[in-house]
Amino acid sequence: MKLLFVVLALIAFNPLPAEEPATQEFRIDAAHMTLTLPRDWIKMPEKALNNIRQNVQKLSPNIKSNYAVGFAGPKPPSNTPLTLLLVQVLPMDLTPEVFLASAQASRKALAMMRPDLSLKQTAPYVNDAIGAVVVPGQTQKGSSGRSYTMPTSQGVITLDVYCPTDGAEKTFEAVESCFKKISFTGGVQRNAKWLEDFEAATKAK
């Protein structure tokens, strides 16, 4: 989640290599999950994902990325931001309290490093239908993002979505519809108590 603000600063005009259209269903072993996406999305080549990892590291050396896989939406018009979905597998010790503190620290750090972005963020909220905490963000450069933090019995998965602000609601609606169909493997289950603890921690602030 905390990388939402960092990646928003990076994706505006980064091209991806051409790829054949991917199939609809993707198994992500590192996250113990199967993800369904629209047929016109592609799995990002490892080289493109590595470029994002490296750019995040350069922009914010103190933030460690845990990207397991990335996907890209339909090819956008030239000179517009890409539509990306990045999946991270985070440590099991990411508690709701640590999550909230990290979100606040990351937002302040990026605001200081990149004041030109004029980053806007609304309060995080729980989407019960998806089983995730959602953190929305937007920059003045035409990029919007939503980070979906999904706690499970084996740790925490974050799905970060970035897209052009123009048409963002349609993109988020389509992606969230897919997130409702996520299935887990190997006996992994959603962690409803983590979400309850998050709501309690938010009210205590």
N, C-alpha and C. Protein backbone atom coordinates (compact mmCIF):
# COMPACT_ATOMS: atom_id res chain seq x y z
N MET A 1 0.82 -1.20 0.00
CA MET A 1 0.00 0.00 0.00
C MET A 1 0.85 1.25 0.00
N LYS A 2 1.90 1.27 0.85
CA LYS A 2 2.66 2.51 0.98
C LYS A 2 3.37 2.91 -0.30
N LEU A 3 3.49 1.95 -1.26
CA LEU A 3 4.14 2.28 -2.52
C LEU A 3 3.17 2.91 -3.51
N LEU A 4 1.90 2.98 -3.16
CA LEU A 4 0.92 3.59 -4.06
C LEU A 4 1.36 4.98 -4.47
N PHE A 5 1.79 5.77 -3.51
CA PHE A 5 2.14 7.16 -3.78
C PHE A 5 3.43 7.26 -4.57
N VAL A 6 4.36 6.33 -4.31
CA VAL A 6 5.64 6.35 -5.03
C VAL A 6 5.44 5.99 -6.49
N VAL A 7 4.68 4.93 -6.76
CA VAL A 7 4.51 4.48 -8.14
C VAL A 7 3.69 5.46 -8.95
N LEU A 8 2.75 6.17 -8.31
CA LEU A 8 2.00 7.19 -9.03
C LEU A 8 2.94 8.22 -9.64
N ALA A 9 4.09 8.41 -9.02
CA ALA A 9 5.05 9.38 -9.50
C ALA A 9 5.89 8.84 -10.65
N LEU A 10 5.76 7.54 -10.94
CA LEU A 10 6.66 6.92 -11.90
C LEU A 10 6.01 6.47 -13.20
N ILE A 11 4.69 6.24 -13.19
CA ILE A 11 4.10 5.48 -14.29
C ILE A 11 3.65 6.30 -15.47
N ALA A 12 3.70 7.61 -15.38
CA ALA A 12 3.03 8.45 -16.37
C ALA A 12 3.35 8.08 -17.82
N PHE A 13 4.63 7.92 -18.15
CA PHE A 13 4.96 7.69 -19.56
C PHE A 13 5.93 6.53 -19.74
N ASN A 14 5.94 5.55 -18.85
CA ASN A 14 6.85 4.42 -18.98
C ASN A 14 6.26 3.39 -19.92
N PRO A 15 6.88 3.12 -21.08
CA PRO A 15 6.33 2.17 -22.03
C PRO A 15 6.58 0.73 -21.59
N LEU A 16 5.71 -0.19 -22.05
CA LEU A 16 5.90 -1.61 -21.83
C LEU A 16 6.18 -2.30 -23.16
N PRO A 17 7.01 -3.36 -23.15
CA PRO A 17 7.21 -4.13 -24.37
C PRO A 17 5.90 -4.77 -24.81
N ALA A 18 5.77 -4.98 -26.12
CA ALA A 18 4.57 -5.60 -26.65
C ALA A 18 4.47 -7.05 -26.17
N GLU A 19 3.28 -7.51 -25.84
CA GLU A 19 3.06 -8.88 -25.39
C GLU A 19 1.78 -9.40 -26.05
N GLU A 20 1.74 -10.73 -26.20
CA GLU A 20 0.52 -11.34 -26.69
C GLU A 20 -0.55 -11.25 -25.60
N PRO A 21 -1.80 -11.12 -25.98
CA PRO A 21 -2.86 -11.06 -24.96
C PRO A 21 -2.81 -12.28 -24.05
N ALA A 22 -2.96 -12.04 -22.75
CA ALA A 22 -2.90 -13.13 -21.78
C ALA A 22 -4.26 -13.80 -21.65
N THR A 23 -4.25 -14.97 -21.05
CA THR A 23 -5.51 -15.64 -20.77
C THR A 23 -6.19 -14.94 -19.61
N GLN A 24 -7.39 -15.36 -19.30
CA GLN A 24 -8.21 -14.65 -18.34
C GLN A 24 -7.82 -14.93 -16.89
N GLU A 25 -7.26 -16.12 -16.63
CA GLU A 25 -7.00 -16.52 -15.26
C GLU A 25 -5.50 -16.65 -15.01
N PHE A 26 -5.04 -16.10 -13.87
CA PHE A 26 -3.63 -16.14 -13.53
C PHE A 26 -3.45 -16.73 -12.14
N ARG A 27 -2.59 -17.71 -12.03
CA ARG A 27 -2.23 -18.28 -10.74
C ARG A 27 -0.97 -17.57 -10.24
N ILE A 28 -1.02 -17.02 -9.04
CA ILE A 28 0.13 -16.32 -8.45
C ILE A 28 0.56 -17.12 -7.24
N ASP A 29 1.55 -17.98 -7.43
CA ASP A 29 1.96 -18.90 -6.38
C ASP A 29 2.48 -18.18 -5.13
N ALA A 30 3.22 -17.10 -5.34
CA ALA A 30 3.79 -16.38 -4.20
C ALA A 30 2.72 -15.82 -3.28
N ALA A 31 1.54 -15.55 -3.83
CA ALA A 31 0.44 -15.01 -3.05
C ALA A 31 -0.62 -16.06 -2.71
N HIS A 32 -0.40 -17.32 -3.14
CA HIS A 32 -1.36 -18.40 -2.89
C HIS A 32 -2.74 -18.02 -3.42
N MET A 33 -2.78 -17.45 -4.60
CA MET A 33 -4.06 -16.98 -5.11
C MET A 33 -4.17 -17.16 -6.62
N THR A 34 -5.42 -17.17 -7.08
CA THR A 34 -5.72 -17.16 -8.50
C THR A 34 -6.52 -15.91 -8.79
N LEU A 35 -6.02 -15.15 -9.76
CA LEU A 35 -6.60 -13.85 -10.09
C LEU A 35 -7.19 -13.88 -11.49
N THR A 36 -8.42 -13.43 -11.61
CA THR A 36 -9.08 -13.32 -12.91
C THR A 36 -9.04 -11.87 -13.36
N LEU A 37 -8.62 -11.64 -14.62
CA LEU A 37 -8.56 -10.29 -15.17
C LEU A 37 -9.20 -10.27 -16.56
N PRO A 38 -9.60 -9.09 -17.03
CA PRO A 38 -10.17 -9.00 -18.39
C PRO A 38 -9.19 -9.56 -19.43
N ARG A 39 -9.73 -10.08 -20.51
CA ARG A 39 -8.89 -10.75 -21.51
C ARG A 39 -7.93 -9.81 -22.23
N ASP A 40 -8.23 -8.51 -22.20
CA ASP A 40 -7.34 -7.58 -22.90
C ASP A 40 -6.20 -7.08 -22.00
N TRP A 41 -6.05 -7.68 -20.79
CA TRP A 41 -4.91 -7.37 -19.94
C TRP A 41 -3.78 -8.36 -20.23
N ILE A 42 -2.55 -7.94 -19.96
CA ILE A 42 -1.40 -8.82 -20.16
C ILE A 42 -0.58 -8.91 -18.88
N LYS A 43 0.12 -10.02 -18.74
CA LYS A 43 1.08 -10.14 -17.65
C LYS A 43 2.33 -9.38 -18.05
N MET A 44 2.83 -8.53 -17.14
CA MET A 44 4.01 -7.72 -17.45
C MET A 44 5.25 -8.61 -17.57
N PRO A 45 6.10 -8.36 -18.56
CA PRO A 45 7.38 -9.06 -18.63
C PRO A 45 8.20 -8.76 -17.38
N GLU A 46 9.01 -9.72 -16.95
CA GLU A 46 9.82 -9.54 -15.75
C GLU A 46 10.72 -8.32 -15.86
N LYS A 47 11.20 -8.04 -17.06
CA LYS A 47 12.08 -6.88 -17.26
C LYS A 47 11.33 -5.58 -16.92
N ALA A 48 10.08 -5.48 -17.35
CA ALA A 48 9.29 -4.28 -17.06
C ALA A 48 9.02 -4.16 -15.57
N LEU A 49 8.73 -5.29 -14.92
CA LEU A 49 8.50 -5.27 -13.47
C LEU A 49 9.77 -4.88 -12.73
N ASN A 50 10.91 -5.36 -13.19
CA ASN A 50 12.18 -4.99 -12.57
C ASN A 50 12.46 -3.49 -12.72
N ASN A 51 12.07 -2.93 -13.85
CA ASN A 51 12.25 -1.49 -14.04
C ASN A 51 11.45 -0.69 -13.01
N ILE A 52 10.24 -1.14 -12.72
CA ILE A 52 9.43 -0.47 -11.71
C ILE A 52 10.07 -0.61 -10.34
N ARG A 53 10.55 -1.81 -10.02
CA ARG A 53 11.23 -2.02 -8.73
C ARG A 53 12.41 -1.07 -8.58
N GLN A 54 13.21 -0.96 -9.64
CA GLN A 54 14.39 -0.11 -9.59
C GLN A 54 14.02 1.37 -9.47
N ASN A 55 12.98 1.79 -10.20
CA ASN A 55 12.57 3.19 -10.13
C ASN A 55 12.02 3.55 -8.75
N VAL A 56 11.27 2.62 -8.15
CA VAL A 56 10.77 2.84 -6.79
C VAL A 56 11.94 2.99 -5.83
N GLN A 57 12.94 2.14 -5.99
CA GLN A 57 14.10 2.18 -5.10
C GLN A 57 14.85 3.50 -5.23
N LYS A 58 14.95 4.01 -6.46
CA LYS A 58 15.64 5.29 -6.67
C LYS A 58 14.86 6.44 -6.06
N LEU A 59 13.55 6.42 -6.24
CA LEU A 59 12.73 7.52 -5.76
C LEU A 59 12.61 7.51 -4.24
N SER A 60 12.56 6.32 -3.67
CA SER A 60 12.41 6.21 -2.22
C SER A 60 13.23 5.03 -1.71
N PRO A 61 14.52 5.25 -1.43
CA PRO A 61 15.41 4.16 -1.01
C PRO A 61 14.97 3.46 0.26
N ASN A 62 14.20 4.13 1.10
CA ASN A 62 13.81 3.55 2.38
C ASN A 62 12.57 2.66 2.28
N ILE A 63 11.95 2.60 1.12
CA ILE A 63 10.76 1.77 0.93
C ILE A 63 11.13 0.52 0.15
N LYS A 64 10.89 -0.63 0.74
CA LYS A 64 11.22 -1.90 0.09
C LYS A 64 9.98 -2.43 -0.63
N SER A 65 10.12 -2.70 -1.90
CA SER A 65 9.00 -3.27 -2.65
C SER A 65 9.05 -4.79 -2.56
N ASN A 66 7.89 -5.41 -2.60
CA ASN A 66 7.77 -6.87 -2.55
C ASN A 66 6.91 -7.35 -3.72
N TYR A 67 7.15 -6.78 -4.90
CA TYR A 67 6.34 -7.12 -6.06
C TYR A 67 6.57 -8.57 -6.48
N ALA A 68 5.48 -9.31 -6.60
CA ALA A 68 5.56 -10.69 -7.06
C ALA A 68 5.25 -10.79 -8.55
N VAL A 69 4.34 -9.92 -9.02
CA VAL A 69 3.92 -9.98 -10.42
C VAL A 69 3.24 -8.66 -10.76
N GLY A 70 3.19 -8.36 -12.04
CA GLY A 70 2.51 -7.15 -12.49
C GLY A 70 1.71 -7.43 -13.75
N PHE A 71 0.66 -6.64 -13.96
CA PHE A 71 -0.19 -6.77 -15.14
C PHE A 71 -0.42 -5.38 -15.73
N ALA A 72 -0.72 -5.34 -17.02
CA ALA A 72 -1.00 -4.07 -17.69
C ALA A 72 -2.32 -4.17 -18.43
N GLY A 73 -3.07 -3.09 -18.38
CA GLY A 73 -4.35 -3.04 -19.07
C GLY A 73 -4.15 -2.77 -20.55
N PRO A 74 -5.25 -2.55 -21.28
CA PRO A 74 -5.17 -2.29 -22.72
C PRO A 74 -4.22 -1.15 -23.03
N LYS A 75 -3.54 -1.23 -24.15
CA LYS A 75 -2.57 -0.20 -24.53
C LYS A 75 -3.27 1.16 -24.62
N PRO A 76 -2.74 2.15 -23.89
CA PRO A 76 -3.41 3.46 -23.86
C PRO A 76 -3.00 4.32 -25.05
N PRO A 77 -3.70 5.40 -25.30
CA PRO A 77 -3.25 6.36 -26.31
C PRO A 77 -1.87 6.89 -25.94
N SER A 78 -1.15 7.37 -26.92
CA SER A 78 0.20 7.90 -26.66
C SER A 78 0.14 9.07 -25.69
N ASN A 79 1.21 9.21 -24.91
CA ASN A 79 1.35 10.31 -23.94
C ASN A 79 0.27 10.32 -22.86
N THR A 80 -0.22 9.13 -22.50
CA THR A 80 -1.15 9.01 -21.37
C THR A 80 -0.60 7.95 -20.42
N PRO A 81 -0.96 8.02 -19.14
CA PRO A 81 -0.46 7.03 -18.19
C PRO A 81 -0.91 5.62 -18.52
N LEU A 82 -0.12 4.65 -18.11
CA LEU A 82 -0.47 3.25 -18.28
C LEU A 82 -1.51 2.84 -17.24
N THR A 83 -2.22 1.75 -17.55
CA THR A 83 -3.06 1.10 -16.55
C THR A 83 -2.32 -0.13 -16.06
N LEU A 84 -1.96 -0.13 -14.77
CA LEU A 84 -1.14 -1.19 -14.20
C LEU A 84 -1.80 -1.80 -12.98
N LEU A 85 -1.50 -3.07 -12.74
CA LEU A 85 -1.88 -3.76 -11.52
C LEU A 85 -0.62 -4.47 -11.02
N LEU A 86 -0.18 -4.09 -9.81
CA LEU A 86 1.02 -4.67 -9.22
C LEU A 86 0.62 -5.42 -7.96
N VAL A 87 1.10 -6.65 -7.83
CA VAL A 87 0.77 -7.51 -6.69
C VAL A 87 1.98 -7.65 -5.79
N GLN A 88 1.80 -7.32 -4.52
CA GLN A 88 2.87 -7.47 -3.53
C GLN A 88 2.46 -8.49 -2.47
N VAL A 89 3.45 -9.22 -1.98
CA VAL A 89 3.24 -10.13 -0.86
C VAL A 89 4.02 -9.57 0.32
N LEU A 90 3.31 -9.16 1.37
CA LEU A 90 3.92 -8.46 2.49
C LEU A 90 4.07 -9.40 3.69
N PRO A 91 4.96 -9.04 4.63
CA PRO A 91 5.19 -9.90 5.80
C PRO A 91 3.93 -10.09 6.64
N MET A 92 3.89 -11.21 7.35
CA MET A 92 2.73 -11.53 8.18
C MET A 92 2.60 -10.58 9.37
N ASP A 93 3.70 -9.90 9.72
CA ASP A 93 3.65 -9.03 10.90
C ASP A 93 3.14 -7.63 10.58
N LEU A 94 2.58 -7.44 9.39
CA LEU A 94 1.98 -6.15 9.04
C LEU A 94 0.63 -6.04 9.74
N THR A 95 0.62 -5.42 10.89
CA THR A 95 -0.61 -5.25 11.65
C THR A 95 -1.38 -4.04 11.14
N PRO A 96 -2.66 -3.93 11.47
CA PRO A 96 -3.41 -2.73 11.08
C PRO A 96 -2.77 -1.44 11.58
N GLU A 97 -2.20 -1.47 12.79
CA GLU A 97 -1.57 -0.28 13.35
C GLU A 97 -0.33 0.11 12.54
N VAL A 98 0.49 -0.88 12.18
CA VAL A 98 1.67 -0.61 11.36
C VAL A 98 1.26 -0.11 9.98
N PHE A 99 0.21 -0.71 9.45
CA PHE A 99 -0.33 -0.30 8.15
C PHE A 99 -0.69 1.18 8.15
N LEU A 100 -1.44 1.61 9.14
CA LEU A 100 -1.86 3.01 9.22
C LEU A 100 -0.68 3.94 9.38
N ALA A 101 0.28 3.57 10.23
CA ALA A 101 1.46 4.42 10.44
C ALA A 101 2.30 4.51 9.17
N SER A 102 2.44 3.41 8.45
CA SER A 102 3.23 3.40 7.22
C SER A 102 2.57 4.26 6.14
N ALA A 103 1.24 4.19 6.07
CA ALA A 103 0.52 4.99 5.08
C ALA A 103 0.75 6.47 5.31
N GLN A 104 0.65 6.87 6.54
CA GLN A 104 0.83 8.28 6.87
C GLN A 104 2.25 8.74 6.61
N ALA A 105 3.23 7.92 7.00
CA ALA A 105 4.64 8.28 6.80
C ALA A 105 4.99 8.35 5.33
N SER A 106 4.49 7.41 4.54
CA SER A 106 4.78 7.39 3.11
C SER A 106 4.20 8.60 2.40
N ARG A 107 2.97 8.95 2.78
CA ARG A 107 2.32 10.10 2.17
C ARG A 107 3.09 11.38 2.45
N LYS A 108 3.54 11.55 3.70
CA LYS A 108 4.30 12.74 4.05
C LYS A 108 5.65 12.78 3.35
N ALA A 109 6.30 11.61 3.26
CA ALA A 109 7.62 11.55 2.63
C ALA A 109 7.54 11.91 1.15
N LEU A 110 6.53 11.38 0.45
CA LEU A 110 6.41 11.67 -0.98
C LEU A 110 6.02 13.12 -1.20
N ALA A 111 5.19 13.67 -0.32
CA ALA A 111 4.79 15.08 -0.45
C ALA A 111 6.00 16.00 -0.34
N MET A 112 6.96 15.62 0.49
CA MET A 112 8.17 16.42 0.65
C MET A 112 9.10 16.25 -0.55
N MET A 113 9.21 15.02 -1.05
CA MET A 113 10.11 14.75 -2.16
C MET A 113 9.57 15.27 -3.49
N ARG A 114 8.25 15.14 -3.67
CA ARG A 114 7.64 15.53 -4.94
C ARG A 114 6.42 16.42 -4.73
N PRO A 115 6.63 17.66 -4.25
CA PRO A 115 5.49 18.56 -4.04
C PRO A 115 4.76 18.89 -5.33
N ASP A 116 5.44 18.75 -6.47
CA ASP A 116 4.83 19.07 -7.75
C ASP A 116 3.69 18.12 -8.11
N LEU A 117 3.65 16.94 -7.48
CA LEU A 117 2.61 15.98 -7.80
C LEU A 117 1.24 16.42 -7.30
N SER A 118 1.22 17.24 -6.26
CA SER A 118 -0.05 17.64 -5.64
C SER A 118 -0.92 16.42 -5.35
N LEU A 119 -0.32 15.45 -4.68
CA LEU A 119 -1.01 14.20 -4.40
C LEU A 119 -2.22 14.43 -3.50
N LYS A 120 -3.34 13.84 -3.92
CA LYS A 120 -4.57 13.90 -3.13
C LYS A 120 -4.93 12.48 -2.70
N GLN A 121 -5.33 12.34 -1.44
CA GLN A 121 -5.72 11.03 -0.95
C GLN A 121 -6.92 11.16 -0.03
N THR A 122 -7.90 10.31 -0.24
CA THR A 122 -9.04 10.26 0.67
C THR A 122 -8.78 9.16 1.70
N ALA A 123 -9.58 9.14 2.74
CA ALA A 123 -9.35 8.22 3.85
C ALA A 123 -9.51 6.76 3.40
N PRO A 124 -8.68 5.87 3.94
CA PRO A 124 -8.84 4.45 3.62
C PRO A 124 -10.15 3.91 4.17
N TYR A 125 -10.68 2.90 3.50
CA TYR A 125 -11.94 2.31 3.95
C TYR A 125 -11.93 0.81 3.64
N VAL A 126 -12.79 0.08 4.32
CA VAL A 126 -12.88 -1.36 4.12
C VAL A 126 -13.94 -1.67 3.08
N ASN A 127 -13.58 -2.46 2.09
CA ASN A 127 -14.54 -2.97 1.10
C ASN A 127 -14.81 -4.43 1.47
N ASP A 128 -15.94 -4.67 2.11
CA ASP A 128 -16.24 -6.02 2.60
C ASP A 128 -16.45 -7.01 1.46
N ALA A 129 -16.95 -6.56 0.33
CA ALA A 129 -17.20 -7.47 -0.78
C ALA A 129 -15.90 -8.03 -1.34
N ILE A 130 -14.83 -7.25 -1.26
CA ILE A 130 -13.51 -7.69 -1.73
C ILE A 130 -12.70 -8.30 -0.60
N GLY A 131 -12.94 -7.81 0.62
CA GLY A 131 -12.15 -8.26 1.75
C GLY A 131 -10.82 -7.55 1.83
N ALA A 132 -10.86 -6.22 1.62
CA ALA A 132 -9.63 -5.45 1.57
C ALA A 132 -9.83 -4.04 2.09
N VAL A 133 -8.73 -3.45 2.56
CA VAL A 133 -8.70 -2.02 2.86
C VAL A 133 -8.32 -1.30 1.58
N VAL A 134 -9.09 -0.29 1.20
CA VAL A 134 -8.86 0.44 -0.04
C VAL A 134 -8.32 1.83 0.29
N VAL A 135 -7.22 2.19 -0.36
CA VAL A 135 -6.64 3.52 -0.21
C VAL A 135 -6.60 4.19 -1.58
N PRO A 136 -7.40 5.24 -1.82
CA PRO A 136 -7.40 5.93 -3.12
C PRO A 136 -6.36 7.05 -3.14
N GLY A 137 -5.83 7.34 -4.33
CA GLY A 137 -4.91 8.45 -4.50
C GLY A 137 -5.00 9.02 -5.90
N GLN A 138 -4.58 10.27 -6.06
CA GLN A 138 -4.65 10.93 -7.37
C GLN A 138 -3.61 12.03 -7.44
N THR A 139 -2.99 12.22 -8.61
CA THR A 139 -2.04 13.30 -8.80
C THR A 139 -2.56 14.26 -9.86
N GLN A 140 -1.96 15.44 -9.89
CA GLN A 140 -2.38 16.44 -10.87
C GLN A 140 -1.90 16.09 -12.27
N LYS A 141 -1.04 15.08 -12.40
CA LYS A 141 -0.49 14.71 -13.71
C LYS A 141 -1.35 13.69 -14.45
N GLY A 142 -2.58 13.50 -13.99
CA GLY A 142 -3.50 12.65 -14.74
C GLY A 142 -3.47 11.19 -14.38
N SER A 143 -2.89 10.83 -13.21
CA SER A 143 -2.85 9.45 -12.77
C SER A 143 -3.66 9.28 -11.50
N SER A 144 -4.41 8.19 -11.45
CA SER A 144 -5.14 7.83 -10.24
C SER A 144 -4.73 6.44 -9.81
N GLY A 145 -4.88 6.15 -8.53
CA GLY A 145 -4.52 4.83 -8.03
C GLY A 145 -5.40 4.41 -6.88
N ARG A 146 -5.51 3.11 -6.71
CA ARG A 146 -6.16 2.54 -5.53
C ARG A 146 -5.33 1.35 -5.08
N SER A 147 -5.04 1.32 -3.78
CA SER A 147 -4.32 0.21 -3.20
C SER A 147 -5.29 -0.65 -2.41
N TYR A 148 -5.29 -1.95 -2.69
CA TYR A 148 -6.19 -2.89 -2.02
C TYR A 148 -5.35 -3.81 -1.14
N THR A 149 -5.43 -3.62 0.17
CA THR A 149 -4.67 -4.43 1.11
C THR A 149 -5.56 -5.55 1.62
N MET A 150 -5.19 -6.79 1.27
CA MET A 150 -6.03 -7.96 1.49
C MET A 150 -5.35 -8.90 2.48
N PRO A 151 -5.75 -8.91 3.75
CA PRO A 151 -5.12 -9.81 4.73
C PRO A 151 -5.61 -11.24 4.56
N THR A 152 -4.69 -12.19 4.72
CA THR A 152 -5.02 -13.61 4.63
C THR A 152 -4.40 -14.34 5.81
N SER A 153 -4.68 -15.62 5.90
CA SER A 153 -4.13 -16.44 6.98
C SER A 153 -2.63 -16.67 6.82
N GLN A 154 -2.08 -16.35 5.65
CA GLN A 154 -0.65 -16.54 5.40
C GLN A 154 0.12 -15.23 5.26
N GLY A 155 -0.52 -14.12 5.54
CA GLY A 155 0.15 -12.83 5.39
C GLY A 155 -0.78 -11.81 4.75
N VAL A 156 -0.20 -10.78 4.18
CA VAL A 156 -0.98 -9.68 3.61
C VAL A 156 -0.60 -9.51 2.14
N ILE A 157 -1.60 -9.41 1.30
CA ILE A 157 -1.40 -9.19 -0.13
C ILE A 157 -1.89 -7.79 -0.47
N THR A 158 -1.11 -7.07 -1.25
CA THR A 158 -1.53 -5.76 -1.71
C THR A 158 -1.63 -5.76 -3.22
N LEU A 159 -2.76 -5.31 -3.72
CA LEU A 159 -2.97 -5.16 -5.16
C LEU A 159 -3.11 -3.68 -5.44
N ASP A 160 -2.12 -3.10 -6.13
CA ASP A 160 -2.10 -1.67 -6.42
C ASP A 160 -2.49 -1.45 -7.87
N VAL A 161 -3.50 -0.63 -8.08
CA VAL A 161 -4.00 -0.35 -9.43
C VAL A 161 -3.74 1.10 -9.77
N TYR A 162 -3.17 1.37 -10.94
CA TYR A 162 -2.87 2.72 -11.41
C TYR A 162 -3.45 2.87 -12.81
N CYS A 163 -4.03 4.04 -13.09
CA CYS A 163 -4.64 4.24 -14.40
C CYS A 163 -4.80 5.73 -14.67
N PRO A 164 -5.09 6.11 -15.92
CA PRO A 164 -5.39 7.51 -16.20
C PRO A 164 -6.62 7.97 -15.42
N THR A 165 -6.57 9.18 -14.90
CA THR A 165 -7.71 9.70 -14.14
C THR A 165 -8.96 9.77 -15.00
N ASP A 166 -8.78 10.11 -16.27
CA ASP A 166 -9.91 10.12 -17.20
C ASP A 166 -10.37 8.68 -17.43
N GLY A 167 -11.52 8.35 -16.95
CA GLY A 167 -12.03 6.99 -17.08
C GLY A 167 -11.65 6.08 -15.93
N ALA A 168 -11.08 6.65 -14.85
CA ALA A 168 -10.59 5.84 -13.74
C ALA A 168 -11.72 5.05 -13.07
N GLU A 169 -12.87 5.67 -12.89
CA GLU A 169 -13.96 4.98 -12.20
C GLU A 169 -14.37 3.71 -12.93
N LYS A 170 -14.37 3.77 -14.24
CA LYS A 170 -14.71 2.58 -15.03
C LYS A 170 -13.67 1.49 -14.84
N THR A 171 -12.40 1.90 -14.82
CA THR A 171 -11.31 0.93 -14.61
C THR A 171 -11.41 0.30 -13.24
N PHE A 172 -11.60 1.11 -12.20
CA PHE A 172 -11.68 0.58 -10.85
C PHE A 172 -12.90 -0.35 -10.70
N GLU A 173 -14.00 0.00 -11.33
CA GLU A 173 -15.19 -0.84 -11.25
C GLU A 173 -14.92 -2.21 -11.86
N ALA A 174 -14.24 -2.22 -13.02
CA ALA A 174 -13.95 -3.49 -13.69
C ALA A 174 -12.97 -4.33 -12.87
N VAL A 175 -11.95 -3.69 -12.32
CA VAL A 175 -10.95 -4.41 -11.55
C VAL A 175 -11.55 -4.95 -10.25
N GLU A 176 -12.35 -4.13 -9.58
CA GLU A 176 -12.95 -4.57 -8.32
C GLU A 176 -13.90 -5.73 -8.54
N SER A 177 -14.56 -5.75 -9.68
CA SER A 177 -15.42 -6.88 -10.01
C SER A 177 -14.60 -8.16 -10.09
N CYS A 178 -13.38 -8.04 -10.65
CA CYS A 178 -12.48 -9.20 -10.73
C CYS A 178 -11.97 -9.60 -9.36
N PHE A 179 -11.67 -8.62 -8.52
CA PHE A 179 -11.14 -8.91 -7.19
C PHE A 179 -12.14 -9.71 -6.34
N LYS A 180 -13.41 -9.52 -6.60
CA LYS A 180 -14.43 -10.27 -5.85
C LYS A 180 -14.38 -11.76 -6.19
N LYS A 181 -13.73 -12.10 -7.30
CA LYS A 181 -13.67 -13.49 -7.75
C LYS A 181 -12.34 -14.16 -7.37
N ILE A 182 -11.48 -13.46 -6.65
CA ILE A 182 -10.19 -14.03 -6.25
C ILE A 182 -10.41 -15.30 -5.43
N SER A 183 -9.64 -16.33 -5.75
CA SER A 183 -9.68 -17.55 -4.95
C SER A 183 -8.28 -17.85 -4.43
N PHE A 184 -8.22 -18.48 -3.27
CA PHE A 184 -6.94 -18.79 -2.65
C PHE A 184 -6.67 -20.28 -2.70
N THR A 185 -5.40 -20.64 -2.68
CA THR A 185 -4.98 -22.03 -2.79
C THR A 185 -4.25 -22.46 -1.53
N GLY A 186 -4.07 -23.78 -1.38
CA GLY A 186 -3.28 -24.30 -0.28
C GLY A 186 -3.88 -24.06 1.09
N GLY A 187 -5.20 -23.94 1.17
CA GLY A 187 -5.83 -23.74 2.45
C GLY A 187 -5.79 -22.32 2.99
N VAL A 188 -5.27 -21.39 2.19
CA VAL A 188 -5.21 -19.99 2.62
C VAL A 188 -6.62 -19.40 2.63
N GLN A 189 -6.91 -18.61 3.65
CA GLN A 189 -8.23 -18.00 3.80
C GLN A 189 -8.09 -16.50 4.05
N ARG A 190 -9.15 -15.78 3.80
CA ARG A 190 -9.18 -14.35 4.12
C ARG A 190 -9.16 -14.17 5.64
N ASN A 191 -8.57 -13.06 6.09
CA ASN A 191 -8.44 -12.77 7.52
C ASN A 191 -9.40 -11.63 7.88
N ALA A 192 -10.63 -12.01 8.24
CA ALA A 192 -11.66 -11.01 8.54
C ALA A 192 -11.32 -10.24 9.81
N LYS A 193 -10.64 -10.89 10.77
CA LYS A 193 -10.32 -10.21 12.02
C LYS A 193 -9.36 -9.05 11.79
N TRP A 194 -8.43 -9.19 10.84
CA TRP A 194 -7.49 -8.10 10.53
C TRP A 194 -8.28 -6.86 10.10
N LEU A 195 -9.29 -7.07 9.28
CA LEU A 195 -10.10 -5.95 8.82
C LEU A 195 -10.89 -5.33 9.97
N GLU A 196 -11.38 -6.16 10.87
CA GLU A 196 -12.08 -5.64 12.04
C GLU A 196 -11.14 -4.81 12.91
N ASP A 197 -9.91 -5.32 13.08
CA ASP A 197 -8.93 -4.59 13.88
C ASP A 197 -8.54 -3.28 13.20
N PHE A 198 -8.51 -3.28 11.88
CA PHE A 198 -8.20 -2.05 11.15
C PHE A 198 -9.27 -1.00 11.41
N GLU A 199 -10.52 -1.38 11.31
CA GLU A 199 -11.61 -0.44 11.55
C GLU A 199 -11.56 0.10 12.97
N ALA A 200 -11.22 -0.76 13.93
CA ALA A 200 -11.10 -0.32 15.31
C ALA A 200 -9.96 0.65 15.48
N ALA A 201 -8.82 0.37 14.82
CA ALA A 201 -7.66 1.25 14.91
C ALA A 201 -7.95 2.59 14.26
N THR A 202 -8.71 2.59 13.17
CA THR A 202 -9.07 3.84 12.49
C THR A 202 -9.95 4.72 13.39
N LYS A 203 -10.90 4.10 14.06
CA LYS A 203 -11.78 4.85 14.94
C LYS A 203 -11.04 5.40 16.15
N ALA A 204 -9.97 4.70 16.54
CA ALA A 204 -9.20 5.14 17.71
C ALA A 204 -8.29 6.32 17.42
N LYS A 205 -8.06 6.62 16.12
CA LYS A 205 -7.18 7.73 15.75
C LYS A 205 -7.80 9.08 16.11
